[in-house]
Amino acid sequence: MTVSLSLLVAAAVLNAVGASLLLTRSLTRILLGAVVLGNGVNLLVLAATGSAGDAPLLYPHIIRNRVTDPLPQAIALTAIVITLATTAFLLAMAYRSHQVTGSDEISDDTEDRLVALRAEFLDRRGELRDRYREARAEDGGADAEQRARYRAARRRLRRRVREERAYQARANDVSGNLWNDILGADPEDYREGRELGSTDAAGRPGPAPARVAGPSNDPEETGREPDSLPGEDSCHPLPDQPDDPGGAGTEGTR
């Protein structure tokens, strides 16, 4: 079987570029990587067909030995369809991520970050403690400078843990507008959010927070007359009124 060297080189380059783009954190680059990798796979499949030949169509007076293999062509066509579907899916994910968070980068899971930070904190604290004890044993006692360095390092570790916990609290905050989180915020919501100073979990400017939802009694919003007050349109007067014998007032008592 004869294989084109240029076709193999092009397929290898496309596969390498696509794989490197898939390993990034940006959804846009992941989308481009999926497209490039799909084209590279298609070239590899087409390279398996061998040398060029006649179209794989059965018609009279055809020489079967000169017809190309139709199976790799069918596989390449299927791969093209799968690549298009994957591209549409990743494009929708990138758009929704940009609408919700303002960025298309994939963030780490907050629980994974907390577990990794806890392990790093314990290792770093143990290392600092061992180093401090060794220095104190060598010098016959720790001086003020060594204690100050040790305490400063411990304060830096605690500050980092507090910052990570604050980040996790912001990431778990679900007090925003659920409608904007699902369908995406409008530009007016982002302008209102900048005026109010609202931010998302990563600290970037976000849309305006959710308004208090509930039944409205405004005729301009509902298109109907407001509900009657208690005691109106009824035969029972309001309690604690002067004309109510059973109320607390004394002016209307008989």
Protein backbone atom coordinates (compact mmCIF):
# COMPACT_ATOMS: atom_id res chain seq x y z
CA MET A 1 0.00 0.00 0.00
CA THR A 2 1.34 3.40 -0.99
CA VAL A 3 0.96 6.16 1.59
CA SER A 4 1.57 9.86 0.98
CA LEU A 5 4.33 11.18 3.24
CA SER A 6 3.06 14.76 3.09
CA LEU A 7 -0.40 13.58 4.16
CA LEU A 8 1.06 11.75 7.16
CA VAL A 9 3.17 14.77 8.17
CA ALA A 10 0.17 17.09 7.94
CA ALA A 11 -1.94 14.67 9.99
CA ALA A 12 0.77 14.36 12.65
CA VAL A 13 1.13 18.15 12.94
CA LEU A 14 -2.63 18.65 13.21
CA ASN A 15 -2.94 15.95 15.86
CA ALA A 16 -0.09 17.44 17.90
CA VAL A 17 -1.49 20.97 17.73
CA GLY A 18 -5.01 19.77 18.52
CA ALA A 19 -3.87 17.72 21.51
CA SER A 20 -1.88 20.65 22.93
CA LEU A 21 -4.89 22.96 22.57
CA LEU A 22 -7.15 20.45 24.31
CA LEU A 23 -4.91 20.54 27.39
CA THR A 24 -5.45 24.28 27.95
CA ARG A 25 -7.97 25.86 30.36
CA SER A 26 -9.74 28.11 27.87
CA LEU A 27 -12.90 26.71 26.28
CA THR A 28 -12.19 28.66 23.09
CA ARG A 29 -8.82 26.97 22.71
CA ILE A 30 -10.37 23.62 23.56
CA LEU A 31 -12.91 24.25 20.79
CA LEU A 32 -10.14 25.02 18.30
CA GLY A 33 -8.23 21.97 19.50
CA ALA A 34 -11.23 19.71 18.87
CA VAL A 35 -11.59 21.07 15.34
CA VAL A 36 -7.88 20.72 14.53
CA LEU A 37 -7.68 17.25 16.09
CA GLY A 38 -10.73 16.12 14.13
CA ASN A 39 -9.14 17.24 10.88
CA GLY A 40 -5.93 15.43 11.79
CA VAL A 41 -7.81 12.20 12.49
CA ASN A 42 -9.62 12.54 9.18
CA LEU A 43 -6.30 12.86 7.36
CA LEU A 44 -4.98 9.75 9.09
CA VAL A 45 -8.07 7.82 8.09
CA LEU A 46 -7.79 9.03 4.51
CA ALA A 47 -4.11 8.07 4.46
CA ALA A 48 -5.16 4.49 5.18
CA THR A 49 -6.94 4.31 1.82
CA GLY A 50 -3.62 4.01 0.00
CA SER A 51 -2.96 5.46 -3.42
CA ALA A 52 -5.54 7.43 -5.35
CA GLY A 53 -7.88 5.54 -7.65
CA ASP A 54 -11.29 5.49 -9.19
CA ALA A 55 -14.39 6.31 -7.22
CA PRO A 56 -15.86 3.30 -5.39
CA LEU A 57 -18.96 3.12 -7.59
CA LEU A 58 -20.14 -0.10 -9.17
CA TYR A 59 -20.99 0.53 -12.79
CA PRO A 60 -20.45 -1.56 -15.94
CA HIS A 61 -16.94 -2.14 -17.27
CA ILE A 62 -15.26 -1.12 -14.01
CA ILE A 63 -11.90 -2.52 -12.96
CA ARG A 64 -12.21 -3.42 -9.29
CA ASN A 65 -8.45 -3.37 -8.67
CA ARG A 66 -8.33 0.36 -9.46
CA VAL A 67 -11.14 1.34 -7.07
CA THR A 68 -10.22 2.91 -3.74
CA ASP A 69 -11.36 1.38 -0.47
CA PRO A 70 -14.74 2.92 0.47
CA LEU A 71 -14.53 2.02 4.18
CA PRO A 72 -11.99 4.72 5.19
CA GLN A 73 -14.00 7.30 3.28
CA ALA A 74 -17.16 6.35 5.17
CA ILE A 75 -15.26 6.50 8.46
CA ALA A 76 -13.90 9.96 7.56
CA LEU A 77 -17.40 11.17 6.77
CA THR A 78 -18.62 9.90 10.13
CA ALA A 79 -15.70 11.60 11.86
CA ILE A 80 -16.59 14.90 10.17
CA VAL A 81 -20.16 14.67 11.49
CA ILE A 82 -18.91 13.89 15.01
CA THR A 83 -16.48 16.82 14.84
CA LEU A 84 -19.28 19.19 13.83
CA ALA A 85 -21.46 18.01 16.72
CA THR A 86 -18.58 18.36 19.20
CA THR A 87 -17.81 21.84 17.85
CA ALA A 88 -21.40 22.96 18.35
CA PHE A 89 -21.45 21.58 21.89
CA LEU A 90 -18.17 23.24 22.90
CA LEU A 91 -19.22 26.51 21.28
CA ALA A 92 -22.41 26.51 23.36
CA MET A 93 -20.39 25.76 26.52
CA ALA A 94 -17.94 28.60 25.83
CA TYR A 95 -20.79 31.04 25.20
CA ARG A 96 -22.65 30.05 28.37
CA SER A 97 -19.48 30.20 30.46
CA HIS A 98 -18.74 33.70 29.19
CA GLN A 99 -22.31 34.79 29.89
CA VAL A 100 -22.34 33.43 33.43
CA THR A 101 -18.78 34.07 34.66
CA GLY A 102 -17.48 36.64 32.17
CA SER A 103 -14.66 34.30 31.08
CA ASP A 104 -14.31 31.07 29.14
CA GLU A 105 -11.60 29.61 31.38
CA ILE A 106 -12.32 26.41 33.28
CA SER A 107 -11.86 26.98 37.00
CA ASP A 108 -10.76 24.36 39.50
CA ASP A 109 -13.34 22.72 41.68
CA THR A 110 -13.53 24.44 45.05
CA GLU A 111 -13.49 21.19 47.03
CA ASP A 112 -10.46 19.91 45.12
CA ARG A 113 -8.68 23.21 45.72
CA LEU A 114 -9.48 22.99 49.44
CA VAL A 115 -8.19 19.41 49.75
CA ALA A 116 -4.98 20.24 47.88
CA LEU A 117 -4.45 23.39 49.93
CA ARG A 118 -5.00 21.52 53.20
CA ALA A 119 -2.39 18.92 52.26
CA GLU A 120 0.05 21.62 51.18
CA PHE A 121 -0.60 23.58 54.37
CA LEU A 122 0.11 20.56 56.58
CA ASP A 123 3.31 19.73 54.69
CA ARG A 124 4.52 23.32 54.77
CA ARG A 125 3.71 23.71 58.46
CA GLY A 126 5.56 20.50 59.31
CA GLU A 127 8.55 21.63 57.26
CA LEU A 128 8.67 25.00 59.01
CA ARG A 129 8.35 23.36 62.42
CA ASP A 130 11.15 20.88 61.74
CA ARG A 131 13.42 23.62 60.42
CA TYR A 132 12.72 25.77 63.46
CA ARG A 133 13.46 22.91 65.84
CA GLU A 134 16.72 22.07 64.04
CA ALA A 135 17.86 25.68 64.18
CA ARG A 136 16.97 25.88 67.86
CA ALA A 137 18.84 22.65 68.60
CA GLU A 138 21.97 23.77 66.73
CA ASP A 139 22.13 27.20 68.34
CA GLY A 140 21.16 25.98 71.78
CA GLY A 141 17.96 27.99 71.73
CA ALA A 142 16.02 30.04 69.25
CA ASP A 143 16.73 33.76 69.13
CA ALA A 144 14.19 36.48 68.49
CA GLU A 145 14.95 36.67 64.77
CA GLN A 146 14.31 32.97 64.20
CA ARG A 147 11.06 33.10 66.13
CA ALA A 148 9.97 36.15 64.12
CA ARG A 149 10.70 34.39 60.81
CA TYR A 150 8.85 31.30 61.96
CA ARG A 151 5.80 33.27 63.06
CA ALA A 152 5.81 35.32 59.83
CA ALA A 153 5.80 32.13 57.76
CA ARG A 154 2.94 30.74 59.84
CA ARG A 155 0.98 33.98 59.33
CA ARG A 156 1.48 33.76 55.57
CA LEU A 157 0.15 30.22 55.57
CA ARG A 158 -2.90 31.19 57.61
CA ARG A 159 -3.55 34.18 55.36
CA ARG A 160 -3.50 31.95 52.31
CA VAL A 161 -5.93 29.53 53.94
CA ARG A 162 -8.28 32.40 54.78
CA GLU A 163 -8.13 33.69 51.21
CA GLU A 164 -8.91 30.22 49.87
CA ARG A 165 -11.86 29.85 52.23
CA ALA A 166 -13.17 33.24 51.16
CA TYR A 167 -12.85 32.18 47.53
CA GLN A 168 -14.78 29.00 48.27
CA ALA A 169 -17.49 30.98 50.03
CA ARG A 170 -17.86 33.28 47.02
CA ALA A 171 -17.98 30.28 44.70
CA ASN A 172 -20.73 28.65 46.78
CA ASP A 173 -22.79 31.84 46.88
CA VAL A 174 -26.10 31.18 45.12
CA SER A 175 -27.77 34.45 46.01
CA GLY A 176 -27.51 35.69 42.43
CA ASN A 177 -30.23 35.77 39.85
CA LEU A 178 -31.01 32.18 38.89
CA TRP A 179 -32.63 33.38 35.68
CA ASN A 180 -29.35 35.01 34.62
CA ASP A 181 -27.38 31.90 35.61
CA ILE A 182 -29.51 29.68 33.36
CA LEU A 183 -30.34 31.87 30.37
CA GLY A 184 -27.61 34.49 30.65
CA ALA A 185 -27.79 38.08 31.78
CA ASP A 186 -28.75 40.92 29.50
CA PRO A 187 -26.36 43.84 28.88
CA GLU A 188 -28.64 46.02 31.01
CA ASP A 189 -28.12 43.66 33.95
CA TYR A 190 -24.34 43.98 33.63
CA ARG A 191 -24.55 47.77 33.52
CA GLU A 192 -26.77 47.75 36.58
CA GLY A 193 -24.41 45.32 38.28
CA ARG A 194 -21.44 47.63 37.71
CA GLU A 195 -23.40 50.51 39.19
CA LEU A 196 -24.29 48.42 42.25
CA GLY A 197 -20.78 46.98 42.51
CA SER A 198 -21.84 43.32 42.30
CA THR A 199 -19.19 40.71 41.49
CA ASP A 200 -19.12 37.01 40.70
CA ALA A 201 -17.29 34.20 42.51
CA ALA A 202 -13.96 35.15 40.91
CA GLY A 203 -14.29 38.82 41.85
CA ARG A 204 -15.12 40.01 38.33
CA PRO A 205 -17.96 42.48 37.65
CA GLY A 206 -21.21 40.55 37.35
CA PRO A 207 -24.87 41.20 36.63
CA ALA A 208 -27.22 42.81 39.07
CA PRO A 209 -28.42 40.60 41.94
CA ALA A 210 -31.82 39.02 41.89
CA ARG A 211 -34.77 41.13 42.86
CA VAL A 212 -37.19 40.00 45.53
CA ALA A 213 -39.77 37.89 43.77
CA GLY A 214 -43.35 37.86 44.95
CA PRO A 215 -46.91 38.74 44.02
CA SER A 216 -47.21 42.32 42.90
CA ASN A 217 -50.19 44.50 43.79
CA ASP A 218 -49.24 47.33 41.44
CA PRO A 219 -51.93 47.96 38.79
CA GLU A 220 -49.25 49.12 36.32
CA GLU A 221 -47.46 45.73 36.55
CA THR A 222 -50.41 43.36 36.90
CA GLY A 223 -52.95 45.20 34.73
CA ARG A 224 -55.72 44.83 37.30
CA GLU A 225 -57.06 46.74 40.25
CA PRO A 226 -55.24 46.28 43.56
CA ASP A 227 -56.59 43.82 46.04
CA SER A 228 -59.03 45.22 48.55
CA LEU A 229 -57.84 45.90 52.05
CA PRO A 230 -59.06 43.74 54.94
CA GLY A 231 -62.57 44.77 55.82
CA GLU A 232 -63.39 46.36 52.46
CA ASP A 233 -66.20 44.91 50.32
CA SER A 234 -67.29 42.78 53.28
CA CYS A 235 -69.94 43.00 55.97
CA HIS A 236 -67.36 42.71 58.78
CA PRO A 237 -65.70 45.96 59.84
CA LEU A 238 -62.05 46.19 60.73
CA PRO A 239 -61.17 45.33 64.32
CA ASP A 240 -60.12 47.95 66.82
CA GLN A 241 -62.20 50.64 65.13
CA PRO A 242 -64.28 53.22 67.02
CA ASP A 243 -67.55 51.87 65.56
CA ASP A 244 -66.71 48.29 66.43
CA PRO A 245 -68.29 47.29 69.74
CA GLY A 246 -65.94 44.35 70.06
CA GLY A 247 -62.82 46.42 69.44
CA ALA A 248 -60.55 48.27 71.78
CA GLY A 249 -62.06 51.67 70.97
CA THR A 250 -64.55 53.24 73.37
CA GLU A 251 -66.05 55.99 71.25
CA GLY A 252 -68.55 53.77 69.48
CA THR A 253 -69.62 51.59 72.36
CA ARG A 254 -73.33 51.39 73.14
